[in-house]
Amino acid sequence: MRNERYSPLMFVTPESPLPDLLLLIKAFLEGGGRWVQLRIKNSVQSDWVYAATQACALCHGFGATFIVNDNPYVALASGADGLHLGKYDMTVADARKIVGNEMIIGGTANTLDDMLALANVEVDYIGLGPFRFTSTKKNLSPIIGIEGYSHIMKAFRSRGSKIPVTAIGGILPEDVPDIVATGVDGVAVSGCLGTIFMAEENTARLFSLLSEVAVK
């Protein structure tokens, strides 16, 4: 199944010049990261495809899964493994018509109803958030917080769904134990990786935290 490639740590790229972005992705991969989501806004399609193709090749060189945010045409043209759709992007059904049945498709959710709707259209994973305020995203949905995650995850799993759920939005390393304890399967991070020179070390630290929680 497509979601068998799921990783508990996802890196969502920040807005950066392409050379810096590729170095940051490489540092994440060298730190053990194996799931990268390329998030590019306000770029012409040809530049987006070029950036995605370069990032995809880098990820595949490490055996990592590469996801493109929002745009199924860029995902297809770049050879990406998957596509992530926001709440207000095209439907999963329409995206499937473009990318086919083999590509991973994830979706963003802010509420239990959002999650159930995504489960009904058989997404491969759900990004649930935001955990807290994040400046990387405009038109931010209501903040969920720890109590919100606990309530939503309990209700979602009680429906019998086993779709992997990733917590997203402003997550810091010190948040990981409490967030994972709510029942989510993993976390997505962006700015907390820090600079290119810190990203490898910080990625390894995040994996260590995730492993510690899994053992308990």
N, C-alpha and C. Protein backbone atom coordinates (compact mmCIF):
# COMPACT_ATOMS: atom_id res chain seq x y z
N MET A 1 0.83 -1.19 0.00
CA MET A 1 0.00 0.00 0.00
C MET A 1 0.87 1.25 0.00
N ARG A 2 0.31 2.36 -0.51
CA ARG A 2 1.09 3.58 -0.60
C ARG A 2 1.53 4.10 0.76
N ASN A 3 0.66 3.99 1.77
CA ASN A 3 1.02 4.57 3.07
C ASN A 3 2.02 3.73 3.86
N GLU A 4 2.45 2.61 3.29
CA GLU A 4 3.53 1.86 3.93
C GLU A 4 4.86 2.62 3.88
N ARG A 5 4.94 3.64 3.04
CA ARG A 5 6.14 4.46 2.96
C ARG A 5 6.14 5.59 3.99
N TYR A 6 5.10 5.66 4.78
CA TYR A 6 4.96 6.75 5.75
C TYR A 6 6.15 6.81 6.71
N SER A 7 6.58 8.02 7.02
CA SER A 7 7.65 8.24 7.99
C SER A 7 7.11 9.11 9.13
N PRO A 8 7.54 8.86 10.37
CA PRO A 8 7.04 9.66 11.49
C PRO A 8 7.60 11.08 11.55
N LEU A 9 8.58 11.38 10.70
CA LEU A 9 9.13 12.73 10.67
C LEU A 9 9.09 13.28 9.25
N MET A 10 8.33 14.35 9.06
CA MET A 10 8.24 15.00 7.76
C MET A 10 8.87 16.38 7.83
N PHE A 11 9.66 16.71 6.82
CA PHE A 11 10.23 18.05 6.70
C PHE A 11 9.46 18.82 5.64
N VAL A 12 8.83 19.91 6.04
CA VAL A 12 8.13 20.79 5.11
C VAL A 12 9.04 21.97 4.83
N THR A 13 9.45 22.14 3.60
CA THR A 13 10.49 23.13 3.28
C THR A 13 9.99 24.56 3.46
N PRO A 14 10.88 25.44 3.94
CA PRO A 14 10.55 26.86 4.04
C PRO A 14 10.79 27.56 2.71
N GLU A 15 10.40 28.82 2.63
CA GLU A 15 10.70 29.62 1.45
C GLU A 15 12.17 30.02 1.49
N SER A 16 12.95 29.53 0.54
CA SER A 16 14.38 29.82 0.48
C SER A 16 14.84 29.77 -0.97
N PRO A 17 15.93 30.45 -1.32
CA PRO A 17 16.51 30.28 -2.66
C PRO A 17 16.85 28.81 -2.88
N LEU A 18 16.73 28.35 -4.12
CA LEU A 18 16.89 26.93 -4.42
C LEU A 18 18.23 26.35 -3.93
N PRO A 19 19.36 27.00 -4.14
CA PRO A 19 20.62 26.40 -3.64
C PRO A 19 20.60 26.16 -2.13
N ASP A 20 20.07 27.13 -1.37
CA ASP A 20 19.98 26.97 0.08
C ASP A 20 18.98 25.88 0.44
N LEU A 21 17.90 25.83 -0.31
CA LEU A 21 16.86 24.83 -0.05
C LEU A 21 17.40 23.42 -0.24
N LEU A 22 18.16 23.21 -1.28
CA LEU A 22 18.73 21.89 -1.55
C LEU A 22 19.74 21.49 -0.47
N LEU A 23 20.50 22.45 0.01
CA LEU A 23 21.46 22.16 1.09
C LEU A 23 20.72 21.80 2.38
N LEU A 24 19.61 22.48 2.63
CA LEU A 24 18.81 22.20 3.82
C LEU A 24 18.18 20.81 3.74
N ILE A 25 17.65 20.47 2.57
CA ILE A 25 17.09 19.13 2.37
C ILE A 25 18.16 18.07 2.55
N LYS A 26 19.35 18.33 2.00
CA LYS A 26 20.45 17.37 2.11
C LYS A 26 20.84 17.15 3.57
N ALA A 27 20.87 18.23 4.35
CA ALA A 27 21.21 18.11 5.76
C ALA A 27 20.15 17.29 6.50
N PHE A 28 18.88 17.50 6.17
CA PHE A 28 17.81 16.71 6.78
C PHE A 28 17.96 15.23 6.43
N LEU A 29 18.28 14.94 5.19
CA LEU A 29 18.46 13.56 4.75
C LEU A 29 19.67 12.92 5.43
N GLU A 30 20.73 13.68 5.56
CA GLU A 30 21.93 13.15 6.22
C GLU A 30 21.71 12.92 7.71
N GLY A 31 20.72 13.63 8.27
CA GLY A 31 20.37 13.41 9.66
C GLY A 31 19.42 12.25 9.87
N GLY A 32 19.04 11.59 8.78
CA GLY A 32 18.16 10.43 8.87
C GLY A 32 16.76 10.64 8.35
N GLY A 33 16.44 11.86 7.95
CA GLY A 33 15.11 12.16 7.44
C GLY A 33 14.83 11.43 6.13
N ARG A 34 13.59 10.96 5.99
CA ARG A 34 13.24 10.19 4.79
C ARG A 34 11.89 10.59 4.21
N TRP A 35 11.41 11.81 4.57
CA TRP A 35 10.14 12.27 4.02
C TRP A 35 10.20 13.78 3.89
N VAL A 36 10.19 14.29 2.66
CA VAL A 36 10.32 15.72 2.41
C VAL A 36 9.12 16.21 1.61
N GLN A 37 8.52 17.28 2.11
CA GLN A 37 7.44 17.93 1.35
C GLN A 37 7.94 19.29 0.87
N LEU A 38 7.96 19.46 -0.43
CA LEU A 38 8.40 20.73 -1.03
C LEU A 38 7.21 21.68 -1.09
N ARG A 39 7.34 22.78 -0.38
CA ARG A 39 6.26 23.77 -0.34
C ARG A 39 6.76 25.05 -1.00
N ILE A 40 6.24 25.32 -2.18
CA ILE A 40 6.62 26.52 -2.92
C ILE A 40 5.37 27.32 -3.25
N LYS A 41 5.42 28.61 -3.02
CA LYS A 41 4.30 29.49 -3.31
C LYS A 41 4.76 30.61 -4.25
N ASN A 42 3.81 31.11 -5.03
CA ASN A 42 4.06 32.29 -5.86
C ASN A 42 5.25 32.11 -6.80
N SER A 43 5.28 30.97 -7.47
CA SER A 43 6.35 30.69 -8.42
C SER A 43 5.74 30.25 -9.75
N VAL A 44 6.37 30.63 -10.86
CA VAL A 44 5.86 30.17 -12.15
C VAL A 44 6.10 28.66 -12.26
N GLN A 45 5.25 28.01 -13.05
CA GLN A 45 5.25 26.55 -13.08
C GLN A 45 6.61 25.98 -13.50
N SER A 46 7.26 26.59 -14.48
CA SER A 46 8.53 26.04 -14.97
C SER A 46 9.60 26.06 -13.87
N ASP A 47 9.63 27.15 -13.08
CA ASP A 47 10.59 27.23 -11.97
C ASP A 47 10.25 26.21 -10.88
N TRP A 48 8.96 26.03 -10.66
CA TRP A 48 8.49 25.08 -9.65
C TRP A 48 8.88 23.65 -10.05
N VAL A 49 8.68 23.33 -11.32
CA VAL A 49 9.04 22.00 -11.81
C VAL A 49 10.54 21.78 -11.69
N TYR A 50 11.33 22.79 -12.04
CA TYR A 50 12.79 22.66 -11.96
C TYR A 50 13.23 22.41 -10.52
N ALA A 51 12.70 23.22 -9.59
CA ALA A 51 13.06 23.04 -8.18
C ALA A 51 12.64 21.67 -7.67
N ALA A 52 11.43 21.25 -8.05
CA ALA A 52 10.92 19.95 -7.60
C ALA A 52 11.74 18.81 -8.17
N THR A 53 12.17 18.92 -9.41
CA THR A 53 12.97 17.88 -10.04
C THR A 53 14.32 17.73 -9.34
N GLN A 54 14.93 18.87 -9.01
CA GLN A 54 16.21 18.84 -8.31
C GLN A 54 16.05 18.24 -6.91
N ALA A 55 15.02 18.66 -6.19
CA ALA A 55 14.79 18.15 -4.84
C ALA A 55 14.42 16.67 -4.86
N CYS A 56 13.65 16.27 -5.85
CA CYS A 56 13.25 14.87 -5.97
C CYS A 56 14.47 13.97 -6.19
N ALA A 57 15.35 14.38 -7.07
CA ALA A 57 16.55 13.60 -7.34
C ALA A 57 17.40 13.46 -6.08
N LEU A 58 17.51 14.53 -5.32
CA LEU A 58 18.28 14.50 -4.07
C LEU A 58 17.65 13.52 -3.08
N CYS A 59 16.34 13.59 -2.93
CA CYS A 59 15.64 12.68 -2.00
C CYS A 59 15.79 11.23 -2.43
N HIS A 60 15.60 10.97 -3.70
CA HIS A 60 15.69 9.59 -4.18
C HIS A 60 17.09 9.03 -4.03
N GLY A 61 18.10 9.90 -4.06
CA GLY A 61 19.46 9.45 -3.85
C GLY A 61 19.68 8.90 -2.44
N PHE A 62 18.83 9.32 -1.51
CA PHE A 62 18.88 8.84 -0.13
C PHE A 62 17.80 7.80 0.16
N GLY A 63 17.04 7.43 -0.87
CA GLY A 63 15.94 6.49 -0.67
C GLY A 63 14.77 7.11 0.07
N ALA A 64 14.65 8.44 0.01
CA ALA A 64 13.60 9.15 0.74
C ALA A 64 12.38 9.41 -0.14
N THR A 65 11.25 9.60 0.51
CA THR A 65 10.00 9.91 -0.18
C THR A 65 9.89 11.41 -0.40
N PHE A 66 9.52 11.79 -1.60
CA PHE A 66 9.43 13.21 -1.96
C PHE A 66 8.00 13.58 -2.32
N ILE A 67 7.48 14.60 -1.65
CA ILE A 67 6.10 15.05 -1.81
C ILE A 67 6.09 16.50 -2.30
N VAL A 68 5.20 16.81 -3.23
CA VAL A 68 5.01 18.18 -3.70
C VAL A 68 3.72 18.73 -3.11
N ASN A 69 3.77 19.94 -2.62
CA ASN A 69 2.59 20.57 -2.05
C ASN A 69 1.72 21.21 -3.13
N ASP A 70 0.43 20.97 -3.06
CA ASP A 70 -0.60 21.69 -3.84
C ASP A 70 -0.77 21.31 -5.31
N ASN A 71 0.31 21.13 -6.05
CA ASN A 71 0.23 21.11 -7.51
C ASN A 71 0.45 19.71 -8.09
N PRO A 72 -0.60 19.04 -8.58
CA PRO A 72 -0.44 17.69 -9.12
C PRO A 72 0.38 17.66 -10.41
N TYR A 73 0.33 18.74 -11.17
CA TYR A 73 1.08 18.77 -12.43
C TYR A 73 2.58 18.82 -12.16
N VAL A 74 2.98 19.59 -11.14
CA VAL A 74 4.39 19.65 -10.76
C VAL A 74 4.82 18.31 -10.17
N ALA A 75 3.97 17.72 -9.35
CA ALA A 75 4.29 16.41 -8.76
C ALA A 75 4.54 15.38 -9.86
N LEU A 76 3.69 15.38 -10.86
CA LEU A 76 3.82 14.41 -11.95
C LEU A 76 5.06 14.68 -12.79
N ALA A 77 5.28 15.94 -13.14
CA ALA A 77 6.40 16.30 -14.02
C ALA A 77 7.75 16.09 -13.36
N SER A 78 7.81 16.21 -12.06
CA SER A 78 9.10 16.11 -11.35
C SER A 78 9.46 14.69 -10.95
N GLY A 79 8.52 13.75 -11.11
CA GLY A 79 8.77 12.38 -10.68
C GLY A 79 8.57 12.16 -9.20
N ALA A 80 7.80 13.06 -8.55
CA ALA A 80 7.57 12.97 -7.11
C ALA A 80 6.84 11.69 -6.74
N ASP A 81 7.00 11.30 -5.50
CA ASP A 81 6.30 10.13 -4.97
C ASP A 81 4.90 10.47 -4.52
N GLY A 82 4.66 11.74 -4.24
CA GLY A 82 3.37 12.08 -3.70
C GLY A 82 3.00 13.55 -3.85
N LEU A 83 1.78 13.83 -3.43
CA LEU A 83 1.16 15.15 -3.54
C LEU A 83 0.44 15.43 -2.23
N HIS A 84 0.61 16.64 -1.70
CA HIS A 84 -0.13 17.03 -0.51
C HIS A 84 -1.13 18.12 -0.89
N LEU A 85 -2.39 17.91 -0.52
CA LEU A 85 -3.46 18.85 -0.85
C LEU A 85 -3.93 19.58 0.40
N GLY A 86 -3.97 20.90 0.32
CA GLY A 86 -4.51 21.70 1.40
C GLY A 86 -6.04 21.64 1.42
N LYS A 87 -6.63 22.22 2.47
CA LYS A 87 -8.09 22.16 2.61
C LYS A 87 -8.81 22.80 1.44
N TYR A 88 -8.20 23.79 0.82
CA TYR A 88 -8.89 24.53 -0.23
C TYR A 88 -8.28 24.29 -1.61
N ASP A 89 -7.49 23.24 -1.74
CA ASP A 89 -6.96 22.85 -3.05
C ASP A 89 -7.99 21.99 -3.77
N MET A 90 -7.62 21.44 -4.91
CA MET A 90 -8.54 20.57 -5.64
C MET A 90 -8.88 19.33 -4.85
N THR A 91 -9.94 18.64 -5.24
CA THR A 91 -10.35 17.44 -4.53
C THR A 91 -9.38 16.30 -4.79
N VAL A 92 -9.38 15.33 -3.90
CA VAL A 92 -8.55 14.14 -4.08
C VAL A 92 -8.94 13.41 -5.36
N ALA A 93 -10.23 13.33 -5.63
CA ALA A 93 -10.71 12.64 -6.84
C ALA A 93 -10.17 13.29 -8.10
N ASP A 94 -10.19 14.63 -8.13
CA ASP A 94 -9.68 15.34 -9.31
C ASP A 94 -8.16 15.17 -9.43
N ALA A 95 -7.48 15.18 -8.29
CA ALA A 95 -6.02 14.99 -8.31
C ALA A 95 -5.66 13.60 -8.81
N ARG A 96 -6.43 12.60 -8.39
CA ARG A 96 -6.17 11.22 -8.83
C ARG A 96 -6.27 11.09 -10.35
N LYS A 97 -7.16 11.86 -10.95
CA LYS A 97 -7.32 11.80 -12.41
C LYS A 97 -6.04 12.28 -13.10
N ILE A 98 -5.29 13.13 -12.42
CA ILE A 98 -4.07 13.69 -13.01
C ILE A 98 -2.86 12.82 -12.69
N VAL A 99 -2.72 12.43 -11.42
CA VAL A 99 -1.49 11.74 -10.99
C VAL A 99 -1.61 10.22 -11.01
N GLY A 100 -2.82 9.69 -11.13
CA GLY A 100 -2.99 8.24 -11.16
C GLY A 100 -3.14 7.64 -9.78
N ASN A 101 -3.23 6.33 -9.73
CA ASN A 101 -3.53 5.63 -8.48
C ASN A 101 -2.30 5.23 -7.68
N GLU A 102 -1.11 5.34 -8.25
CA GLU A 102 0.09 4.90 -7.54
C GLU A 102 0.71 5.98 -6.67
N MET A 103 0.41 7.24 -6.97
CA MET A 103 1.04 8.33 -6.23
C MET A 103 0.40 8.50 -4.85
N ILE A 104 1.24 8.74 -3.85
CA ILE A 104 0.77 9.06 -2.50
C ILE A 104 0.02 10.39 -2.54
N ILE A 105 -1.12 10.45 -1.86
CA ILE A 105 -1.82 11.72 -1.70
C ILE A 105 -2.17 11.91 -0.23
N GLY A 106 -1.74 13.05 0.32
CA GLY A 106 -2.09 13.41 1.68
C GLY A 106 -2.96 14.65 1.67
N GLY A 107 -3.65 14.87 2.77
CA GLY A 107 -4.52 16.03 2.86
C GLY A 107 -4.43 16.70 4.21
N THR A 108 -4.72 18.00 4.24
CA THR A 108 -4.68 18.79 5.46
C THR A 108 -6.05 18.79 6.13
N ALA A 109 -6.06 18.65 7.45
CA ALA A 109 -7.29 18.69 8.23
C ALA A 109 -7.11 19.60 9.44
N ASN A 110 -8.21 20.21 9.86
CA ASN A 110 -8.21 21.04 11.06
C ASN A 110 -9.23 20.56 12.08
N THR A 111 -10.17 19.73 11.64
CA THR A 111 -11.23 19.24 12.51
C THR A 111 -11.45 17.75 12.30
N LEU A 112 -12.23 17.14 13.19
CA LEU A 112 -12.60 15.73 13.02
C LEU A 112 -13.38 15.54 11.72
N ASP A 113 -14.28 16.44 11.42
CA ASP A 113 -15.05 16.32 10.17
C ASP A 113 -14.14 16.34 8.95
N ASP A 114 -13.12 17.20 8.98
CA ASP A 114 -12.14 17.23 7.88
C ASP A 114 -11.48 15.86 7.73
N MET A 115 -11.09 15.26 8.85
CA MET A 115 -10.39 13.98 8.83
C MET A 115 -11.28 12.86 8.29
N LEU A 116 -12.52 12.86 8.73
CA LEU A 116 -13.45 11.83 8.27
C LEU A 116 -13.72 11.97 6.77
N ALA A 117 -13.80 13.22 6.29
CA ALA A 117 -14.00 13.45 4.86
C ALA A 117 -12.80 12.94 4.06
N LEU A 118 -11.60 13.18 4.57
CA LEU A 118 -10.39 12.70 3.89
C LEU A 118 -10.31 11.17 3.93
N ALA A 119 -10.71 10.59 5.05
CA ALA A 119 -10.72 9.13 5.15
C ALA A 119 -11.68 8.52 4.14
N ASN A 120 -12.80 9.19 3.91
CA ASN A 120 -13.80 8.68 2.97
C ASN A 120 -13.30 8.66 1.53
N VAL A 121 -12.36 9.55 1.22
CA VAL A 121 -11.81 9.57 -0.15
C VAL A 121 -10.46 8.87 -0.20
N GLU A 122 -10.11 8.18 0.89
CA GLU A 122 -8.95 7.29 0.93
C GLU A 122 -7.62 7.98 0.66
N VAL A 123 -7.38 9.07 1.40
CA VAL A 123 -6.04 9.65 1.34
C VAL A 123 -5.07 8.69 2.02
N ASP A 124 -3.79 8.87 1.76
CA ASP A 124 -2.76 7.97 2.30
C ASP A 124 -2.25 8.42 3.66
N TYR A 125 -2.38 9.70 3.95
CA TYR A 125 -2.04 10.22 5.27
C TYR A 125 -2.75 11.55 5.44
N ILE A 126 -2.86 11.99 6.70
CA ILE A 126 -3.52 13.25 7.01
C ILE A 126 -2.56 14.13 7.80
N GLY A 127 -2.46 15.39 7.41
CA GLY A 127 -1.71 16.38 8.17
C GLY A 127 -2.70 17.16 9.02
N LEU A 128 -2.66 16.98 10.33
CA LEU A 128 -3.63 17.59 11.24
C LEU A 128 -2.98 18.77 11.96
N GLY A 129 -3.58 19.94 11.81
CA GLY A 129 -3.01 21.10 12.46
C GLY A 129 -3.80 22.37 12.18
N PRO A 130 -3.28 23.51 12.62
CA PRO A 130 -1.95 23.68 13.21
C PRO A 130 -1.91 23.44 14.72
N PHE A 131 -0.76 22.96 15.16
CA PHE A 131 -0.55 22.77 16.60
C PHE A 131 -0.51 24.12 17.31
N ARG A 132 0.25 25.04 16.74
CA ARG A 132 0.31 26.41 17.26
C ARG A 132 0.50 27.36 16.09
N PHE A 133 0.57 28.64 16.37
CA PHE A 133 0.77 29.63 15.31
C PHE A 133 2.07 29.37 14.57
N THR A 134 2.02 29.48 13.25
CA THR A 134 3.22 29.39 12.43
C THR A 134 3.19 30.46 11.36
N SER A 135 4.30 31.14 11.18
CA SER A 135 4.37 32.21 10.18
C SER A 135 4.59 31.68 8.77
N THR A 136 4.79 30.36 8.63
CA THR A 136 5.06 29.79 7.30
C THR A 136 3.79 29.60 6.49
N LYS A 137 2.63 29.81 7.10
CA LYS A 137 1.38 29.57 6.38
C LYS A 137 0.42 30.74 6.54
N LYS A 138 -0.10 31.23 5.41
CA LYS A 138 -1.11 32.27 5.43
C LYS A 138 -2.49 31.62 5.62
N ASN A 139 -3.48 32.44 6.02
CA ASN A 139 -4.84 31.95 6.22
C ASN A 139 -4.86 30.74 7.16
N LEU A 140 -4.20 30.91 8.29
CA LEU A 140 -4.05 29.82 9.25
C LEU A 140 -5.39 29.40 9.82
N SER A 141 -5.63 28.10 9.91
CA SER A 141 -6.84 27.57 10.54
C SER A 141 -6.74 27.70 12.05
N PRO A 142 -7.85 27.52 12.78
CA PRO A 142 -7.80 27.62 14.25
C PRO A 142 -6.77 26.68 14.88
N ILE A 143 -6.07 27.19 15.89
CA ILE A 143 -5.05 26.42 16.59
C ILE A 143 -5.70 25.24 17.32
N ILE A 144 -5.06 24.07 17.28
CA ILE A 144 -5.63 22.86 17.89
C ILE A 144 -5.10 22.64 19.31
N GLY A 145 -3.79 22.66 19.49
CA GLY A 145 -3.21 22.44 20.81
C GLY A 145 -3.28 20.98 21.26
N ILE A 146 -2.64 20.69 22.38
CA ILE A 146 -2.54 19.31 22.87
C ILE A 146 -3.92 18.72 23.16
N GLU A 147 -4.76 19.44 23.88
CA GLU A 147 -6.09 18.91 24.22
C GLU A 147 -6.91 18.65 22.97
N GLY A 148 -6.79 19.54 22.00
CA GLY A 148 -7.51 19.35 20.76
C GLY A 148 -7.06 18.10 20.02
N TYR A 149 -5.76 17.87 19.97
CA TYR A 149 -5.24 16.67 19.32
C TYR A 149 -5.75 15.41 20.03
N SER A 150 -5.71 15.41 21.35
CA SER A 150 -6.16 14.25 22.11
C SER A 150 -7.62 13.93 21.81
N HIS A 151 -8.46 14.95 21.81
CA HIS A 151 -9.89 14.75 21.56
C HIS A 151 -10.14 14.26 20.14
N ILE A 152 -9.51 14.92 19.17
CA ILE A 152 -9.75 14.57 17.76
C ILE A 152 -9.21 13.19 17.45
N MET A 153 -8.01 12.87 17.92
CA MET A 153 -7.42 11.57 17.61
C MET A 153 -8.22 10.42 18.23
N LYS A 154 -8.68 10.61 19.46
CA LYS A 154 -9.49 9.57 20.11
C LYS A 154 -10.77 9.33 19.31
N ALA A 155 -11.42 10.41 18.90
CA ALA A 155 -12.66 10.28 18.13
C ALA A 155 -12.41 9.67 16.76
N PHE A 156 -11.30 10.04 16.13
CA PHE A 156 -10.99 9.54 14.79
C PHE A 156 -10.68 8.05 14.83
N ARG A 157 -9.85 7.63 15.77
CA ARG A 157 -9.49 6.21 15.86
C ARG A 157 -10.69 5.36 16.29
N SER A 158 -11.62 5.96 17.04
CA SER A 158 -12.80 5.19 17.46
C SER A 158 -13.68 4.82 16.27
N ARG A 159 -13.50 5.55 15.15
CA ARG A 159 -14.23 5.22 13.92
C ARG A 159 -13.57 4.07 13.16
N GLY A 160 -12.42 3.61 13.63
CA GLY A 160 -11.76 2.47 13.02
C GLY A 160 -10.74 2.80 11.95
N SER A 161 -10.51 4.09 11.70
CA SER A 161 -9.55 4.46 10.65
C SER A 161 -8.11 4.26 11.12
N LYS A 162 -7.29 3.70 10.25
CA LYS A 162 -5.88 3.49 10.54
C LYS A 162 -4.97 4.37 9.68
N ILE A 163 -5.56 5.36 9.03
CA ILE A 163 -4.77 6.27 8.19
C ILE A 163 -3.75 7.00 9.07
N PRO A 164 -2.47 7.02 8.67
CA PRO A 164 -1.46 7.75 9.46
C PRO A 164 -1.80 9.23 9.58
N VAL A 165 -1.57 9.79 10.76
CA VAL A 165 -1.86 11.20 11.01
C VAL A 165 -0.58 11.89 11.48
N THR A 166 -0.24 12.96 10.80
CA THR A 166 0.94 13.76 11.12
C THR A 166 0.50 15.08 11.73
N ALA A 167 1.05 15.43 12.88
CA ALA A 167 0.79 16.73 13.48
C ALA A 167 1.62 17.79 12.77
N ILE A 168 1.01 18.93 12.47
CA ILE A 168 1.69 19.97 11.72
C ILE A 168 1.47 21.34 12.36
N GLY A 169 2.39 22.26 12.10
CA GLY A 169 2.17 23.64 12.47
C GLY A 169 2.90 24.13 13.70
N GLY A 170 4.10 24.68 13.51
CA GLY A 170 4.81 25.33 14.61
C GLY A 170 5.38 24.40 15.66
N ILE A 171 5.64 23.15 15.30
CA ILE A 171 6.09 22.15 16.26
C ILE A 171 7.59 22.29 16.55
N LEU A 172 7.94 22.24 17.83
CA LEU A 172 9.32 22.31 18.28
C LEU A 172 9.73 20.95 18.86
N PRO A 173 11.03 20.68 18.96
CA PRO A 173 11.47 19.38 19.49
C PRO A 173 10.87 19.06 20.86
N GLU A 174 10.79 20.06 21.73
CA GLU A 174 10.28 19.79 23.08
C GLU A 174 8.79 19.45 23.10
N ASP A 175 8.09 19.71 21.99
CA ASP A 175 6.66 19.38 21.89
C ASP A 175 6.42 17.90 21.56
N VAL A 176 7.43 17.24 21.01
CA VAL A 176 7.23 15.91 20.43
C VAL A 176 6.64 14.89 21.40
N PRO A 177 7.18 14.72 22.62
CA PRO A 177 6.60 13.70 23.50
C PRO A 177 5.11 13.88 23.77
N ASP A 178 4.71 15.12 24.08
CA ASP A 178 3.30 15.37 24.40
C ASP A 178 2.40 15.21 23.18
N ILE A 179 2.89 15.62 22.02
CA ILE A 179 2.08 15.50 20.81
C ILE A 179 1.89 14.04 20.43
N VAL A 180 2.95 13.26 20.44
CA VAL A 180 2.85 11.85 20.06
C VAL A 180 1.96 11.09 21.05
N ALA A 181 1.97 11.53 22.31
CA ALA A 181 1.13 10.88 23.32
C ALA A 181 -0.36 11.05 23.03
N THR A 182 -0.73 12.00 22.17
CA THR A 182 -2.14 12.19 21.83
C THR A 182 -2.64 11.14 20.85
N GLY A 183 -1.73 10.37 20.25
CA GLY A 183 -2.13 9.33 19.33
C GLY A 183 -1.78 9.57 17.88
N VAL A 184 -1.15 10.71 17.58
CA VAL A 184 -0.71 10.94 16.20
C VAL A 184 0.45 10.00 15.89
N ASP A 185 0.68 9.79 14.60
CA ASP A 185 1.71 8.85 14.16
C ASP A 185 3.06 9.51 13.91
N GLY A 186 3.06 10.83 13.76
CA GLY A 186 4.30 11.51 13.47
C GLY A 186 4.12 13.01 13.53
N VAL A 187 5.20 13.73 13.24
CA VAL A 187 5.18 15.19 13.27
C VAL A 187 5.83 15.74 12.01
N ALA A 188 5.38 16.91 11.62
CA ALA A 188 6.01 17.65 10.52
C ALA A 188 6.69 18.87 11.10
N VAL A 189 7.89 19.15 10.62
CA VAL A 189 8.65 20.30 11.11
C VAL A 189 9.16 21.12 9.94
N SER A 190 9.50 22.35 10.24
CA SER A 190 10.06 23.23 9.21
C SER A 190 11.13 24.11 9.83
N GLY A 191 10.73 25.24 10.38
CA GLY A 191 11.69 26.21 10.90
C GLY A 191 12.54 25.69 12.04
N CYS A 192 12.04 24.70 12.80
CA CYS A 192 12.81 24.25 13.98
C CYS A 192 14.07 23.48 13.61
N LEU A 193 14.23 23.15 12.32
CA LEU A 193 15.49 22.52 11.92
C LEU A 193 16.64 23.51 11.97
N GLY A 194 16.29 24.81 11.93
CA GLY A 194 17.32 25.83 12.04
C GLY A 194 18.07 26.03 10.72
N THR A 195 19.32 26.44 10.82
CA THR A 195 20.12 26.73 9.65
C THR A 195 20.62 25.44 9.00
N ILE A 196 21.19 25.59 7.83
CA ILE A 196 21.78 24.45 7.12
C ILE A 196 22.78 23.72 8.00
N PHE A 197 23.52 24.48 8.79
CA PHE A 197 24.58 23.90 9.61
C PHE A 197 24.05 23.17 10.84
N MET A 198 22.80 23.44 11.21
CA MET A 198 22.19 22.81 12.38
C MET A 198 21.21 21.71 12.01
N ALA A 199 20.77 21.69 10.76
CA ALA A 199 19.65 20.83 10.37
C ALA A 199 19.93 19.34 10.55
N GLU A 200 21.14 18.90 10.22
CA GLU A 200 21.45 17.48 10.36
C GLU A 200 21.37 17.06 11.83
N GLU A 201 21.99 17.83 12.70
CA GLU A 201 21.98 17.51 14.12
C GLU A 201 20.57 17.56 14.69
N ASN A 202 19.80 18.58 14.31
CA ASN A 202 18.44 18.72 14.83
C ASN A 202 17.52 17.62 14.32
N THR A 203 17.74 17.15 13.10
CA THR A 203 16.96 16.03 12.57
C THR A 203 17.22 14.77 13.39
N ALA A 204 18.49 14.51 13.65
CA ALA A 204 18.85 13.34 14.46
C ALA A 204 18.23 13.43 15.85
N ARG A 205 18.19 14.65 16.41
CA ARG A 205 17.59 14.84 17.74
C ARG A 205 16.10 14.54 17.70
N LEU A 206 15.43 14.98 16.65
CA LEU A 206 13.99 14.73 16.53
C LEU A 206 13.70 13.23 16.42
N PHE A 207 14.50 12.53 15.63
CA PHE A 207 14.33 11.08 15.52
C PHE A 207 14.56 10.39 16.86
N SER A 208 15.53 10.88 17.63
CA SER A 208 15.80 10.31 18.94
C SER A 208 14.60 10.50 19.86
N LEU A 209 13.99 11.68 19.81
CA LEU A 209 12.81 11.95 20.63
C LEU A 209 11.64 11.06 20.22
N LEU A 210 11.46 10.90 18.91
CA LEU A 210 10.38 10.04 18.42
C LEU A 210 10.60 8.59 18.83
N SER A 211 11.86 8.15 18.80
CA SER A 211 12.17 6.77 19.19
C SER A 211 11.91 6.55 20.67
N GLU A 212 12.27 7.54 21.49
CA GLU A 212 12.05 7.43 22.93
C GLU A 212 10.58 7.31 23.25
N VAL A 213 9.76 8.10 22.56
CA VAL A 213 8.32 8.04 22.78
C VAL A 213 7.76 6.71 22.35
N ALA A 214 8.26 6.17 21.25
CA ALA A 214 7.76 4.89 20.72
C ALA A 214 8.07 3.74 21.66
N VAL A 215 9.18 3.83 22.37
CA VAL A 215 9.60 2.76 23.27
C VAL A 215 8.73 2.72 24.52
N LYS A 216 8.26 3.88 24.95
CA LYS A 216 7.50 3.96 26.21
C LYS A 216 6.14 3.27 26.07
